[in-house]
Amino acid sequence: MIKEAEMEAKAIIDKAMSDSKNAVATARRDSVNKIQEAEAQFRKEFEAAVAKEMKALEAERDKLLSLGRDKAGQLDKAAEARIEKVKDFLKKEFERTIDATS
């Protein structure tokens, strides 16, 4: 009778220990899964934020490039006008020099 009670108690204790180990293992798995899910969510949000910022930077770059092209076009037109003036000036000076030596 005592041996049976001891065996029963040992079986109950062994089952409780096994249940406890299983509960700890399950809790660890669950916590690892939660951490992995949180990291995946963080990566997703981070990549979305980076993509959004890259798109904004690209738009800003395109805007600045467009402004730069417009300014370069204006400078080209101004330079062409000045080149014509310089050509006329040099032509007149050359003719004046030739007329003066004649």
Foldseek 3Di string as FASTA:
>chain_A
DVVVVVVVVVVVVVVVVVVVVVVVVVVVVVVVVVVVVVVVVVVVVVVVVVVVVVVVVVVVVVVVVVVVVVVVVVVVVVVVVVVVVVVVVVVVVVVVVVVVVD
